[in-house]
Protein backbone atom coordinates (compact mmCIF):
# COMPACT_ATOMS: atom_id res chain seq x y z
CA MET A 1 0.87 13.80 -10.09
CA GLY A 2 3.78 14.83 -11.99
CA LEU A 3 7.17 12.94 -12.58
CA MET A 4 7.56 10.13 -10.17
CA MET A 5 10.97 9.45 -8.52
CA ARG A 6 11.87 5.62 -8.47
CA LEU A 7 11.86 4.58 -4.81
CA PRO A 8 14.80 2.80 -3.54
CA SER A 9 14.43 -1.20 -3.50
CA SER A 10 14.80 -1.23 0.36
CA LEU A 11 11.54 0.70 0.84
CA ILE A 12 9.92 -1.96 -1.55
CA SER A 13 11.67 -4.72 0.67
CA ASN A 14 10.24 -3.09 3.90
CA VAL A 15 6.80 -2.91 2.71
CA LYS A 16 7.03 -6.64 1.40
CA GLY A 17 8.41 -7.53 4.81
CA PHE A 18 5.50 -5.63 6.40
CA SER A 19 3.03 -7.49 4.38
CA ARG A 20 4.58 -10.92 5.54
CA LEU A 21 4.99 -9.95 9.17
CA ASN A 22 1.22 -8.93 9.26
CA SER A 23 -0.02 -12.11 7.60
CA TYR A 24 1.54 -13.89 10.60
CA ARG A 25 0.09 -11.65 13.19
CA SER A 26 -3.35 -12.27 12.07
CA ARG A 27 -5.05 -15.16 10.86
CA ASN A 28 -8.05 -13.36 9.33
CA TYR A 29 -5.45 -11.43 7.28
CA ARG A 30 -4.12 -14.68 5.68
CA ARG A 31 -7.85 -15.77 4.93
CA ASP A 32 -8.92 -12.60 3.01
CA VAL A 33 -5.80 -11.51 1.46
CA PRO A 34 -4.85 -13.74 -1.66
CA LYS A 35 -1.26 -14.88 -2.26
CA GLY A 36 0.46 -12.11 -4.48
CA HIS A 37 -1.65 -9.35 -2.60
CA LEU A 38 -1.41 -6.98 0.23
CA ALA A 39 -3.93 -5.22 2.40
CA VAL A 40 -3.77 -1.22 2.62
CA TYR A 41 -5.91 1.17 4.63
CA VAL A 42 -6.76 4.16 2.56
CA GLY A 43 -8.53 7.67 3.52
CA LEU A 44 -7.54 10.93 5.28
CA ASN A 45 -9.88 10.62 8.34
CA GLU A 46 -11.75 7.38 8.15
CA LYS A 47 -9.64 4.51 6.80
CA ARG A 48 -11.16 1.75 4.44
CA ARG A 49 -9.30 -1.49 3.91
CA PHE A 50 -8.33 -2.41 0.20
CA VAL A 51 -6.60 -5.49 -1.20
CA VAL A 52 -4.03 -4.84 -3.93
CA PRO A 53 -1.62 -6.98 -6.09
CA MET A 54 1.80 -7.08 -4.91
CA ALA A 55 2.92 -5.97 -8.44
CA TYR A 56 1.66 -2.28 -7.61
CA LEU A 57 4.72 -2.03 -5.61
CA GLU A 58 6.83 -1.92 -8.74
CA GLN A 59 4.75 0.93 -10.29
CA PRO A 60 5.90 4.62 -9.99
CA LEU A 61 2.39 5.84 -8.98
CA PHE A 62 1.97 3.33 -6.09
CA GLN A 63 5.44 4.01 -5.10
CA GLU A 64 4.74 7.78 -4.92
CA LEU A 65 1.88 6.78 -2.47
CA LEU A 66 4.28 4.66 -0.41
CA ARG A 67 6.60 7.45 -0.20
CA GLN A 68 4.03 9.95 0.74
CA SER A 69 2.83 7.17 3.36
CA GLU A 70 6.45 6.72 4.83
CA GLU A 71 6.68 10.46 5.24
CA GLU A 72 3.66 10.87 7.22
CA PHE A 73 3.33 7.52 9.18
CA GLY A 74 6.84 5.69 8.81
CA PHE A 75 6.34 2.11 9.23
CA ASP A 76 4.42 2.17 12.28
CA HIS A 77 0.85 1.86 11.33
CA SER A 78 -1.82 2.08 14.03
CA MET A 79 -4.40 0.33 11.79
CA GLY A 80 -2.02 -2.80 11.73
CA GLY A 81 -1.83 -2.67 7.94
CA LEU A 82 0.06 -0.34 5.48
CA THR A 83 -1.85 3.06 5.39
CA ILE A 84 -1.88 5.45 2.63
CA SER A 85 -3.16 8.89 3.30
CA CYS A 86 -5.10 10.28 0.22
CA GLN A 87 -8.66 10.63 -0.78
CA GLU A 88 -10.31 7.30 -1.70
CA ASP A 89 -11.17 8.57 -5.31
CA GLU A 90 -7.74 9.62 -5.70
CA PHE A 91 -6.70 6.07 -4.80
CA PHE A 92 -9.15 4.60 -7.28
CA LYS A 93 -7.91 6.76 -10.02
CA ILE A 94 -4.44 5.44 -9.50
CA THR A 95 -5.49 1.79 -9.12
CA ALA A 96 -7.63 2.07 -12.20
CA GLN A 97 -4.54 3.42 -14.31
CA LEU A 98 -2.41 0.50 -12.66
CA HIS A 99 -4.94 -2.00 -13.58
CA ALA A 100 -5.27 -0.67 -17.29
CA ALA A 101 -1.54 -0.76 -17.77
């Protein structure tokens, strides 16, 4: 990925609010998503669920994934959680970079 644009704080607030709303909707969500984290679904065809730190929301690489997700899905996610449309291997590379930083 090239140069990343900084997403407006309103988008980050919406994602955080979406995460809080989802935690109220599902008791299972609260049990397996630790405080300070959020669940995301990743994949192009089949979606796989991952739990990531909320701190990723402040990182430009992750913000680019969120921007792409917003363009494709808006904030109406059929999976019941935040859906990120990218290959799993791309998601692993990005989260590995964020974890190392």
